Amino acid sequence: MGRLSESTGAAWGHLRRVPVWLPPALLTLAVTVTGLGSAQLWRDELATWSAASRSPGDLVRLAGTIDAATGPYYLLMHGWTAVFGDSTVALRAPAVLAMTVAAGLLAVLGAQLVDRRTGLFAGLLFAVLPGTSRYGQEARPYALATMLAVLATLLLVAALRRPSWARWAGYAAAVAALGLIHLIALTLLAAHGLVVLLTWWRGPGEAGVATRDHRVAERDRRVWRWVITVVPVALLVAPLLLKAQAQRSRQLNWVNLVGLDDLTALPGGVAQSSVVGGLLVGVAALGAARLGRRALLPVSAVLLPVLLLFAAGEVVPLWVPRYLVFVVPFACLLAGAALATVTVPGALAVVVLAGLLGLPDQAALRRTHEWPRSAPVDYAGAARVIADGQRPGDAVVYSPRQSWLFLDLGIEYHLDDPPRDVLVTEDEVHRGDLWAAECPQPAQCLAGTARVWLVISGRHAEPLAAVTGAKGDALRAQFTVTQVWPRPGLTVALLTSRPDR
């Protein structure tokens, strides 16, 4: 037993010489890079590709119509794809880098708030969560928001401990970037404000953020500096918030009002695994109990954004679990504090256990990002069918067009030379929208077309019968089905014109 203790102590001694951020960052990078391009781009990522492919002027018009809240992220991705291309890996690489940095920053934050062990185990636990892989492998803004949330909190701690305008300016920049990337992540300011207020009210160290200067006047300046810092950020983000609010009925028309069952399902939603989410909550609760008042910052950074969004979601449809991914690092910090109380092998065993419990979900998310995962959409398979059988002069028709499945974007992404979209009268770029406008008289627009590739959502043995409205009437009147290819989530059919036409 003595030799084992000595061996463990020696191993920890070697580990202490490594920067605390390095092991979590490397592990996160390794996990998120694994299978990065395995899953197809799903519907939300297709929207990112469509937006990033547009000029800045076209992006401004898009933001004026829909998805203004994601506009700054789209602009960032426009610059990224201009340099690195729009392959699946290239589109997801910024999320990989952001999650990697988030893990490293989390370790540093834990070391500063509690101790080195807490930071290290918090970062390692964060790295193995299925949710870290999911959102670290997705061409959406959630990984960037997670990174900026941890960075802003770390800079707040630095500014409270050693106040200077340079530190407050850095904090302001991080908060502004956080709000522009993900508006809902600004609910984190409620936690920051609470910590700043209690630091002033109770005195240094009483709010869980130890400071070096015990003068009351300096504490007063910390409060006012925070207010002065946050006000310009609010003014900067306010126009984006107002525009996003005006678009909410169209942007979030698929979201329902929140219920208590949604709240209880949140840990599994953000961790992308119910069992791992439950484990994280349990260990985090132990860590909060251990820290006492030092838990104020991470506990409020988890609970206040969740409670604020839940309260708002009871009035207006806003509750989407992935919008709260940015609180996960703070739950991991609390869990890290609990793991820091046991031996190094014991703490690492819990990290490994979380990784093993999440393996089925890790494997599933590398097959598809669709939710639920039992209903993937095989855009690439449908595109291969068309590419293999396409002839000059062929056309394509999508049903439905105004759908969050983005059938047209999914096919166009996977085809270098897609068939002519025969019913389109104005594409999505010129409309400043995510969807194209279709011909109001489809029978006339289809006239003279010999072959049509019909791509329709769902599995249909009789695809023509599933097309509704004037579009369906025109297709049934002018074409017959030659062949049908069922694919997961959709159906491809080759239509040929009737001999009598």
Protein backbone atom coordinates (compact mmCIF):
# COMPACT_ATOMS: atom_id res chain seq x y z
CA MET A 1 0.00 0.00 0.00
CA GLY A 2 2.88 2.30 0.85
CA ARG A 3 4.52 1.71 -2.52
CA LEU A 4 1.21 2.38 -4.29
CA SER A 5 0.85 5.65 -2.40
CA GLU A 6 4.40 6.62 -3.27
CA SER A 7 3.80 5.74 -6.92
CA THR A 8 0.61 7.79 -6.99
CA GLY A 9 2.36 10.70 -5.33
CA ALA A 10 5.19 10.54 -7.85
CA ALA A 11 2.75 10.43 -10.77
CA TRP A 12 0.89 13.46 -9.40
CA GLY A 13 4.20 15.22 -8.90
CA HIS A 14 5.08 14.71 -12.57
CA LEU A 15 1.61 15.84 -13.57
CA ARG A 16 1.96 19.03 -11.54
CA ARG A 17 4.84 20.12 -13.73
CA VAL A 18 2.59 20.05 -16.80
CA PRO A 19 0.49 23.19 -17.43
CA VAL A 20 -2.93 22.51 -15.98
CA TRP A 21 -4.70 23.39 -19.23
CA LEU A 22 -2.67 21.03 -21.43
CA PRO A 23 -4.09 17.55 -20.60
CA PRO A 24 -7.77 18.63 -20.88
CA ALA A 25 -7.09 20.53 -24.10
CA LEU A 26 -5.23 17.63 -25.70
CA LEU A 27 -7.86 15.11 -24.64
CA THR A 28 -10.67 17.30 -25.95
CA LEU A 29 -8.86 17.78 -29.23
CA ALA A 30 -8.29 14.04 -29.60
CA VAL A 31 -11.90 13.17 -28.81
CA THR A 32 -13.51 15.81 -31.02
CA VAL A 33 -11.22 15.14 -33.99
CA THR A 34 -12.08 11.43 -33.89
CA GLY A 35 -14.74 10.78 -36.53
CA LEU A 36 -15.09 14.49 -37.28
CA GLY A 37 -16.36 13.94 -40.80
CA SER A 38 -18.26 10.69 -40.20
CA ALA A 39 -21.75 12.12 -39.73
CA GLN A 40 -23.29 14.03 -42.61
CA LEU A 41 -24.05 17.71 -42.19
CA TRP A 42 -27.49 17.88 -40.65
CA ARG A 43 -30.17 20.46 -41.29
CA ASP A 44 -28.79 23.21 -39.04
CA GLU A 45 -25.29 22.76 -40.44
CA LEU A 46 -26.69 22.98 -43.95
CA ALA A 47 -28.11 26.37 -42.99
CA THR A 48 -24.62 27.36 -41.85
CA TRP A 49 -23.15 26.23 -45.18
CA SER A 50 -25.79 28.11 -47.15
CA ALA A 51 -25.22 31.31 -45.17
CA ALA A 52 -21.43 31.08 -45.11
CA SER A 53 -21.39 30.67 -48.89
CA ARG A 54 -22.99 34.10 -49.38
CA SER A 55 -21.34 37.49 -49.69
CA PRO A 56 -21.36 39.85 -46.66
CA GLY A 57 -24.04 41.92 -48.36
CA ASP A 58 -26.21 38.86 -48.87
CA LEU A 59 -25.64 37.90 -45.24
CA VAL A 60 -26.93 41.28 -44.13
CA ARG A 61 -30.09 40.73 -46.18
CA LEU A 62 -30.47 37.24 -44.71
CA ALA A 63 -30.20 38.68 -41.19
CA GLY A 64 -32.92 41.15 -42.06
CA THR A 65 -35.28 38.33 -42.97
CA ILE A 66 -34.48 35.41 -40.66
CA ASP A 67 -31.81 34.10 -38.30
CA ALA A 68 -30.39 37.50 -37.32
CA ALA A 69 -29.32 35.99 -33.99
CA THR A 70 -26.86 33.73 -35.83
CA GLY A 71 -25.74 36.42 -38.30
CA PRO A 72 -22.38 37.23 -36.64
CA TYR A 73 -21.51 33.54 -36.56
CA TYR A 74 -22.39 33.21 -40.24
CA LEU A 75 -20.14 36.15 -41.04
CA LEU A 76 -17.30 34.51 -39.13
CA MET A 77 -17.87 31.26 -41.02
CA HIS A 78 -17.92 33.16 -44.32
CA GLY A 79 -14.37 34.30 -43.65
CA TRP A 80 -13.34 30.85 -42.44
CA THR A 81 -14.67 29.01 -45.50
CA ALA A 82 -13.08 31.55 -47.81
CA VAL A 83 -9.72 30.38 -46.48
CA PHE A 84 -10.28 26.72 -45.59
CA GLY A 85 -13.11 25.63 -47.88
CA ASP A 86 -16.53 24.17 -47.13
CA SER A 87 -15.86 20.47 -46.66
CA THR A 88 -17.56 18.81 -43.71
CA VAL A 89 -14.30 18.80 -41.74
CA ALA A 90 -13.53 22.41 -42.62
CA LEU A 91 -16.99 23.58 -41.56
CA ARG A 92 -16.71 21.80 -38.20
CA ALA A 93 -13.08 22.66 -37.44
CA PRO A 94 -13.88 25.99 -35.67
CA ALA A 95 -16.09 24.11 -33.23
CA VAL A 96 -13.29 21.61 -32.55
CA LEU A 97 -10.86 24.41 -31.82
CA ALA A 98 -13.37 26.25 -29.64
CA MET A 99 -14.12 23.20 -27.49
CA THR A 100 -10.41 22.49 -27.16
CA VAL A 101 -9.76 26.01 -25.93
CA ALA A 102 -12.82 25.84 -23.66
CA ALA A 103 -11.44 22.73 -21.94
CA GLY A 104 -8.08 24.40 -21.36
CA LEU A 105 -9.67 27.60 -20.04
CA LEU A 106 -11.94 25.59 -17.76
CA ALA A 107 -8.90 23.93 -16.19
CA VAL A 108 -7.32 27.33 -15.59
CA LEU A 109 -10.56 28.71 -14.13
CA GLY A 110 -10.87 25.75 -11.76
CA ALA A 111 -7.27 26.15 -10.66
CA GLN A 112 -7.80 29.84 -9.91
CA LEU A 113 -11.12 29.49 -8.12
CA VAL A 114 -10.29 26.34 -6.14
CA ASP A 115 -7.06 24.47 -6.80
CA ARG A 116 -5.06 22.74 -9.50
CA ARG A 117 -6.67 19.33 -9.02
CA THR A 118 -10.14 20.81 -9.41
CA GLY A 119 -9.21 22.49 -12.67
CA LEU A 120 -7.53 19.41 -14.08
CA PHE A 121 -10.33 16.97 -13.29
CA ALA A 122 -13.00 19.46 -14.40
CA GLY A 123 -11.29 19.80 -17.77
CA LEU A 124 -10.79 16.05 -18.21
CA LEU A 125 -14.42 15.32 -17.33
CA PHE A 126 -15.58 17.99 -19.76
CA ALA A 127 -13.48 16.40 -22.50
CA VAL A 128 -15.16 12.98 -22.30
CA LEU A 129 -18.78 14.18 -22.24
CA PRO A 130 -20.74 13.14 -25.36
CA GLY A 131 -22.08 16.70 -25.52
CA THR A 132 -18.56 18.06 -25.87
CA SER A 133 -18.08 15.83 -28.90
CA ARG A 134 -21.49 16.61 -30.35
CA TYR A 135 -21.20 20.38 -30.22
CA GLY A 136 -17.47 20.26 -30.83
CA GLN A 137 -18.24 18.49 -34.10
CA GLU A 138 -21.05 20.74 -35.27
CA ALA A 139 -20.88 23.72 -37.60
CA ARG A 140 -23.00 25.84 -35.28
CA PRO A 141 -22.15 28.54 -32.71
CA TYR A 142 -22.59 26.52 -29.49
CA ALA A 143 -18.94 25.49 -29.09
CA LEU A 144 -17.81 29.09 -29.61
CA ALA A 145 -20.37 30.27 -27.06
CA THR A 146 -19.08 27.70 -24.58
CA MET A 147 -15.51 28.86 -25.04
CA LEU A 148 -16.45 32.54 -24.70
CA ALA A 149 -18.56 31.86 -21.60
CA VAL A 150 -15.58 30.29 -19.83
CA LEU A 151 -13.23 32.99 -21.10
CA ALA A 152 -15.50 35.81 -19.95
CA THR A 153 -15.82 34.22 -16.51
CA LEU A 154 -12.07 33.74 -16.22
CA LEU A 155 -11.49 37.39 -17.17
CA LEU A 156 -14.11 38.49 -14.64
CA VAL A 157 -12.25 36.66 -11.89
CA ALA A 158 -9.00 38.33 -12.96
CA ALA A 159 -10.65 41.77 -13.01
CA LEU A 160 -12.17 41.30 -9.56
CA ARG A 161 -8.90 40.15 -8.05
CA ARG A 162 -6.65 42.76 -9.59
CA PRO A 163 -8.85 45.52 -11.01
CA SER A 164 -7.53 47.55 -13.91
CA TRP A 165 -9.18 49.07 -16.96
CA ALA A 166 -7.16 46.76 -19.20
CA ARG A 167 -8.63 43.69 -17.47
CA TRP A 168 -12.14 45.12 -17.56
CA ALA A 169 -11.70 45.91 -21.26
CA GLY A 170 -10.70 42.31 -21.92
CA TYR A 171 -13.78 41.15 -20.02
CA ALA A 172 -15.98 43.53 -22.01
CA ALA A 173 -14.61 42.21 -25.30
CA ALA A 174 -15.27 38.61 -24.28
CA VAL A 175 -18.84 39.39 -23.16
CA ALA A 176 -19.55 41.32 -26.36
CA ALA A 177 -18.29 38.42 -28.46
CA LEU A 178 -20.38 36.02 -26.37
CA GLY A 179 -23.53 38.04 -26.97
CA LEU A 180 -22.92 38.39 -30.70
CA ILE A 181 -22.27 34.67 -31.10
CA HIS A 182 -25.13 33.46 -28.89
CA LEU A 183 -27.64 35.92 -27.45
CA ILE A 184 -29.07 33.54 -24.87
CA ALA A 185 -25.59 33.04 -23.40
CA LEU A 186 -25.83 36.61 -22.10
CA THR A 187 -27.98 35.17 -19.30
CA LEU A 188 -24.57 34.31 -17.84
CA LEU A 189 -24.33 38.01 -16.91
CA ALA A 190 -26.88 37.37 -14.17
CA ALA A 191 -24.36 35.10 -12.47
CA HIS A 192 -21.52 37.55 -13.07
CA GLY A 193 -23.57 40.43 -11.68
CA LEU A 194 -24.49 38.43 -8.57
CA VAL A 195 -20.84 37.63 -7.88
CA VAL A 196 -19.76 41.24 -8.41
CA LEU A 197 -22.53 42.50 -6.11
CA LEU A 198 -21.70 40.05 -3.33
CA THR A 199 -17.99 40.76 -3.68
CA TRP A 200 -18.81 44.39 -2.92
CA TRP A 201 -21.51 43.71 -0.32
CA ARG A 202 -19.78 41.05 1.76
CA GLY A 203 -16.20 42.04 1.16
CA PRO A 204 -13.28 40.37 -0.64
CA GLY A 205 -13.32 36.61 -0.54
CA GLU A 206 -16.87 36.41 0.82
CA ALA A 207 -18.40 35.76 -2.60
CA GLY A 208 -16.02 32.98 -3.55
CA VAL A 209 -13.60 35.22 -5.46
CA ALA A 210 -10.57 36.05 -3.34
CA THR A 211 -9.09 39.51 -3.89
CA ARG A 212 -5.83 41.14 -2.88
CA ASP A 213 -7.11 44.62 -2.09
CA HIS A 214 -9.26 44.96 1.03
CA ARG A 215 -10.14 48.61 0.72
CA VAL A 216 -13.87 49.37 0.64
CA ALA A 217 -13.35 52.12 -1.92
CA GLU A 218 -11.67 49.68 -4.26
CA ARG A 219 -14.60 47.30 -3.85
CA ASP A 220 -16.92 50.12 -4.81
CA ARG A 221 -14.87 50.76 -7.94
CA ARG A 222 -15.17 47.09 -8.89
CA VAL A 223 -18.96 47.35 -8.91
CA TRP A 224 -19.02 50.52 -10.98
CA ARG A 225 -16.38 49.24 -13.36
CA TRP A 226 -18.49 46.17 -14.00
CA VAL A 227 -21.55 48.31 -14.68
CA ILE A 228 -19.56 50.64 -16.94
CA THR A 229 -18.20 47.61 -18.74
CA VAL A 230 -21.55 45.92 -19.29
CA VAL A 231 -23.56 48.96 -20.44
CA PRO A 232 -21.68 49.44 -23.76
CA VAL A 233 -21.97 45.70 -24.40
CA ALA A 234 -25.73 45.92 -23.89
CA LEU A 235 -25.94 48.85 -26.30
CA LEU A 236 -23.92 46.92 -28.87
CA VAL A 237 -26.02 43.77 -28.65
CA ALA A 238 -29.43 45.45 -28.24
CA PRO A 239 -30.14 45.96 -31.99
CA LEU A 240 -29.35 42.30 -32.67
CA LEU A 241 -31.57 41.25 -29.78
CA LEU A 242 -34.48 43.38 -31.00
CA LYS A 243 -34.17 42.05 -34.54
CA ALA A 244 -33.99 38.46 -33.32
CA GLN A 245 -37.05 39.04 -31.14
CA ALA A 246 -38.98 40.32 -34.16
CA GLN A 247 -38.06 37.14 -36.06
CA ARG A 248 -38.85 34.75 -33.21
CA SER A 249 -42.25 33.63 -34.52
CA ARG A 250 -40.67 32.50 -37.76
CA GLN A 251 -37.32 31.33 -36.47
CA LEU A 252 -38.67 29.28 -33.53
CA ASN A 253 -42.09 28.27 -34.83
CA TRP A 254 -41.22 24.64 -34.07
CA VAL A 255 -40.56 25.24 -30.34
CA ASN A 256 -43.23 24.69 -27.69
CA LEU A 257 -43.72 26.29 -24.29
CA VAL A 258 -41.57 24.68 -21.63
CA GLY A 259 -42.74 22.25 -18.94
CA LEU A 260 -41.19 20.66 -15.85
CA ASP A 261 -40.39 17.50 -17.81
CA ASP A 262 -38.20 19.63 -20.12
CA LEU A 263 -36.28 20.89 -17.10
CA THR A 264 -35.64 17.40 -15.75
CA ALA A 265 -34.48 16.26 -19.19
CA LEU A 266 -31.99 19.13 -19.51
CA PRO A 267 -28.89 17.34 -18.09
CA GLY A 268 -29.27 14.54 -20.60
CA GLY A 269 -29.92 17.03 -23.37
CA VAL A 270 -26.82 19.16 -22.87
CA ALA A 271 -24.61 16.15 -22.07
CA GLN A 272 -26.14 14.22 -25.00
CA SER A 273 -26.54 11.24 -22.67
CA SER A 274 -29.10 10.80 -19.91
CA VAL A 275 -26.88 8.57 -17.80
CA VAL A 276 -23.80 10.76 -18.15
CA GLY A 277 -25.88 13.88 -17.51
CA GLY A 278 -27.23 12.32 -14.33
CA LEU A 279 -23.72 11.36 -13.21
CA LEU A 280 -22.50 14.91 -13.86
CA VAL A 281 -25.32 16.45 -11.82
CA GLY A 282 -24.71 14.10 -8.91
CA VAL A 283 -20.96 14.69 -8.74
CA ALA A 284 -21.43 18.44 -9.26
CA ALA A 285 -23.82 18.55 -6.29
CA LEU A 286 -21.14 16.92 -4.13
CA GLY A 287 -18.63 19.50 -5.35
CA ALA A 288 -20.97 22.38 -4.54
CA ALA A 289 -21.40 21.03 -1.02
CA ARG A 290 -17.63 20.79 -0.62
CA LEU A 291 -16.93 24.32 -1.83
CA GLY A 292 -19.51 26.13 0.29
CA ARG A 293 -19.57 29.83 -0.55
CA ARG A 294 -16.76 29.33 -3.05
CA ALA A 295 -19.36 27.51 -5.16
CA LEU A 296 -21.30 30.73 -5.74
CA LEU A 297 -19.78 31.55 -9.12
CA PRO A 298 -20.05 28.09 -10.78
CA VAL A 299 -23.42 27.31 -9.18
CA SER A 300 -24.96 30.60 -10.28
CA ALA A 301 -23.36 30.21 -13.73
CA VAL A 302 -25.27 26.95 -14.09
CA LEU A 303 -28.55 27.71 -12.36
CA LEU A 304 -29.31 31.32 -13.28
CA PRO A 305 -29.13 30.90 -17.09
CA VAL A 306 -31.22 27.73 -16.82
CA LEU A 307 -33.84 29.34 -14.58
CA LEU A 308 -34.01 32.52 -16.64
CA LEU A 309 -34.52 30.64 -19.88
CA PHE A 310 -37.03 28.34 -18.21
CA ALA A 311 -39.01 31.32 -16.91
CA ALA A 312 -38.96 32.95 -20.33
CA GLY A 313 -39.87 29.64 -21.97
CA GLU A 314 -43.07 29.46 -19.92
CA VAL A 315 -44.28 32.64 -21.62
CA VAL A 316 -42.76 32.48 -25.10
CA PRO A 317 -41.38 29.42 -26.97
CA LEU A 318 -37.62 29.68 -26.32
CA TRP A 319 -36.62 26.50 -24.52
CA VAL A 320 -34.15 24.50 -26.60
CA PRO A 321 -31.66 22.42 -24.55
CA ARG A 322 -28.69 23.06 -26.82
CA TYR A 323 -29.06 26.79 -26.20
CA LEU A 324 -27.74 26.06 -22.68
CA VAL A 325 -24.65 24.05 -23.62
CA PHE A 326 -22.49 26.94 -22.38
CA VAL A 327 -23.36 26.12 -18.73
CA VAL A 328 -21.85 22.61 -18.91
CA PRO A 329 -18.24 23.68 -18.12
CA PHE A 330 -19.38 25.24 -14.86
CA ALA A 331 -21.11 22.01 -13.85
CA CYS A 332 -17.88 20.23 -14.67
CA LEU A 333 -15.99 22.69 -12.46
CA LEU A 334 -18.21 21.76 -9.54
CA ALA A 335 -17.72 18.08 -10.31
CA GLY A 336 -13.98 18.66 -10.49
CA ALA A 337 -14.09 20.08 -6.97
CA ALA A 338 -15.64 16.83 -5.75
CA LEU A 339 -13.12 14.69 -7.61
CA ALA A 340 -10.27 16.72 -6.14
CA THR A 341 -11.12 15.34 -2.68
CA VAL A 342 -10.31 11.74 -3.61
CA THR A 343 -7.08 10.11 -4.76
CA VAL A 344 -5.84 10.72 -8.27
CA PRO A 345 -6.63 7.13 -9.39
CA GLY A 346 -10.12 7.45 -7.90
CA ALA A 347 -10.78 10.74 -9.68
CA LEU A 348 -9.48 9.41 -12.97
CA ALA A 349 -11.66 6.31 -12.52
CA VAL A 350 -14.75 8.55 -12.39
CA VAL A 351 -13.61 10.37 -15.53
CA VAL A 352 -13.07 7.03 -17.29
CA LEU A 353 -16.47 5.80 -16.06
CA ALA A 354 -18.16 8.86 -17.55
CA GLY A 355 -16.34 8.21 -20.81
CA LEU A 356 -17.38 4.55 -20.88
CA LEU A 357 -21.00 5.31 -20.02
CA GLY A 358 -21.10 7.79 -22.86
CA LEU A 359 -19.57 5.48 -25.49
CA PRO A 360 -22.92 4.42 -27.05
CA ASP A 361 -23.91 8.07 -27.46
CA GLN A 362 -20.44 8.97 -28.74
CA ALA A 363 -20.80 6.30 -31.43
CA ALA A 364 -24.35 7.37 -32.29
CA LEU A 365 -23.53 11.04 -32.78
CA ARG A 366 -20.76 10.09 -35.20
CA ARG A 367 -23.38 8.36 -37.34
CA THR A 368 -25.81 11.26 -37.43
CA HIS A 369 -26.43 14.63 -35.78
CA GLU A 370 -30.15 14.48 -36.47
CA TRP A 371 -32.45 14.47 -33.48
CA PRO A 372 -33.87 12.02 -32.70
CA ARG A 373 -30.98 9.90 -33.89
CA SER A 374 -33.42 7.19 -34.95
CA ALA A 375 -34.51 9.45 -37.84
CA PRO A 376 -31.39 10.38 -39.85
CA VAL A 377 -31.70 12.00 -43.27
CA ASP A 378 -29.38 10.56 -45.93
CA TYR A 379 -28.74 13.58 -48.12
CA ALA A 380 -25.49 12.11 -49.43
CA GLY A 381 -27.16 8.83 -50.42
CA ALA A 382 -29.92 10.66 -52.28
CA ALA A 383 -27.34 12.81 -54.05
CA ARG A 384 -25.41 9.70 -55.15
CA VAL A 385 -28.57 8.26 -56.68
CA ILE A 386 -29.10 11.42 -58.72
CA ALA A 387 -25.44 11.70 -59.72
CA ASP A 388 -25.36 8.10 -60.93
CA GLY A 389 -28.43 8.48 -63.11
CA GLN A 390 -28.42 12.13 -64.13
CA ARG A 391 -28.62 13.12 -67.79
CA PRO A 392 -28.27 16.52 -69.47
CA GLY A 393 -31.53 18.46 -69.28
CA ASP A 394 -32.78 16.73 -66.13
CA ALA A 395 -34.66 18.75 -63.54
CA VAL A 396 -35.22 18.33 -59.82
CA VAL A 397 -38.25 19.03 -57.64
CA TYR A 398 -38.30 19.08 -53.83
CA SER A 399 -41.28 18.41 -51.59
CA PRO A 400 -41.80 20.09 -49.26
CA ARG A 401 -39.80 23.18 -50.16
CA GLN A 402 -40.54 25.29 -47.05
CA SER A 403 -39.16 22.76 -44.61
CA TRP A 404 -36.51 22.79 -41.90
CA LEU A 405 -35.13 19.62 -43.52
CA PHE A 406 -33.59 21.80 -46.25
CA LEU A 407 -33.88 19.06 -48.87
CA ASP A 408 -32.56 21.32 -51.61
CA LEU A 409 -29.51 22.43 -49.61
CA GLY A 410 -28.73 18.84 -48.64
CA ILE A 411 -28.72 17.66 -52.24
CA GLU A 412 -26.90 20.71 -53.59
CA TYR A 413 -24.15 20.40 -50.98
CA HIS A 414 -23.31 16.88 -52.14
CA LEU A 415 -23.57 17.50 -55.91
CA ASP A 416 -21.06 19.50 -57.93
CA ASP A 417 -23.54 19.90 -60.80
CA PRO A 418 -27.10 19.39 -59.50
CA PRO A 419 -30.05 19.16 -61.91
CA ARG A 420 -31.91 22.36 -62.71
CA ASP A 421 -34.27 23.31 -59.91
CA VAL A 422 -37.11 23.74 -62.35
CA LEU A 423 -39.72 25.31 -60.04
CA VAL A 424 -37.49 27.99 -58.53
CA THR A 425 -38.37 31.54 -59.54
CA GLU A 426 -36.06 33.26 -57.02
CA ASP A 427 -33.34 31.45 -55.11
CA GLU A 428 -32.75 31.80 -51.38
CA VAL A 429 -29.74 34.11 -51.82
CA HIS A 430 -31.64 36.72 -53.82
CA ARG A 431 -34.63 36.43 -51.49
CA GLY A 432 -32.43 36.99 -48.44
CA ASP A 433 -33.90 33.84 -46.95
CA LEU A 434 -33.12 30.20 -46.22
CA TRP A 435 -35.69 29.01 -48.74
CA ALA A 436 -36.21 29.68 -52.44
CA ALA A 437 -39.49 30.89 -53.95
CA GLU A 438 -41.30 28.48 -56.25
CA CYS A 439 -43.36 28.96 -59.37
CA PRO A 440 -47.01 29.75 -58.51
CA GLN A 441 -48.13 27.80 -61.61
CA PRO A 442 -46.04 24.61 -61.48
CA ALA A 443 -47.75 23.04 -64.51
CA GLN A 444 -46.41 25.80 -66.76
CA CYS A 445 -42.92 25.69 -65.22
CA LEU A 446 -42.72 21.92 -65.69
CA ALA A 447 -43.84 22.03 -69.34
CA GLY A 448 -41.23 20.72 -71.76
CA THR A 449 -39.24 18.84 -69.11
CA ALA A 450 -38.62 15.20 -70.00
CA ARG A 451 -37.19 13.87 -66.74
CA VAL A 452 -37.58 15.06 -63.16
CA TRP A 453 -35.82 13.86 -60.02
CA LEU A 454 -38.33 14.11 -57.19
CA VAL A 455 -36.84 14.37 -53.70
CA ILE A 456 -39.46 14.08 -50.99
CA SER A 457 -39.17 13.85 -47.23
CA GLY A 458 -40.07 10.55 -45.61
CA ARG A 459 -40.35 7.04 -47.02
CA HIS A 460 -43.03 6.66 -49.71
CA ALA A 461 -43.81 3.68 -51.92
CA GLU A 462 -45.96 6.03 -54.04
CA PRO A 463 -44.01 9.32 -53.94
CA LEU A 464 -46.23 11.21 -56.40
CA ALA A 465 -49.25 10.61 -54.21
CA ALA A 466 -47.45 12.26 -51.27
CA VAL A 467 -46.88 15.60 -53.06
CA THR A 468 -49.64 18.02 -52.12
CA GLY A 469 -51.19 21.09 -53.72
CA ALA A 470 -50.78 22.40 -57.24
CA LYS A 471 -47.27 20.98 -57.40
CA GLY A 472 -48.57 17.48 -56.84
CA ASP A 473 -51.39 17.95 -59.33
CA ALA A 474 -48.96 19.13 -62.01
CA LEU A 475 -46.50 16.28 -61.41
CA ARG A 476 -49.21 13.62 -61.49
CA ALA A 477 -50.72 15.08 -64.65
CA GLN A 478 -47.45 15.33 -66.59
CA PHE A 479 -45.22 12.52 -65.29
CA THR A 480 -45.13 8.89 -64.33
CA VAL A 481 -42.81 7.24 -61.81
CA THR A 482 -40.02 5.25 -63.47
CA GLN A 483 -38.05 4.19 -60.39
CA VAL A 484 -38.02 4.81 -56.66
CA TRP A 485 -35.04 4.81 -54.28
CA PRO A 486 -35.95 4.88 -50.57
CA ARG A 487 -33.25 6.41 -48.40
CA PRO A 488 -33.23 7.11 -44.64
CA GLY A 489 -35.42 10.13 -44.02
CA LEU A 490 -36.34 10.74 -47.66
CA THR A 491 -37.29 9.20 -50.99
CA VAL A 492 -35.85 9.81 -54.45
CA ALA A 493 -37.97 9.08 -57.51
CA LEU A 494 -37.20 9.44 -61.21
CA LEU A 495 -40.18 10.81 -63.11
CA THR A 496 -40.51 10.72 -66.89
CA SER A 497 -43.01 12.67 -68.97
CA ARG A 498 -46.16 10.87 -70.07
CA PRO A 499 -46.06 9.67 -73.68
CA ASP A 500 -49.17 11.66 -74.57
CA ARG A 501 -47.61 14.97 -73.62
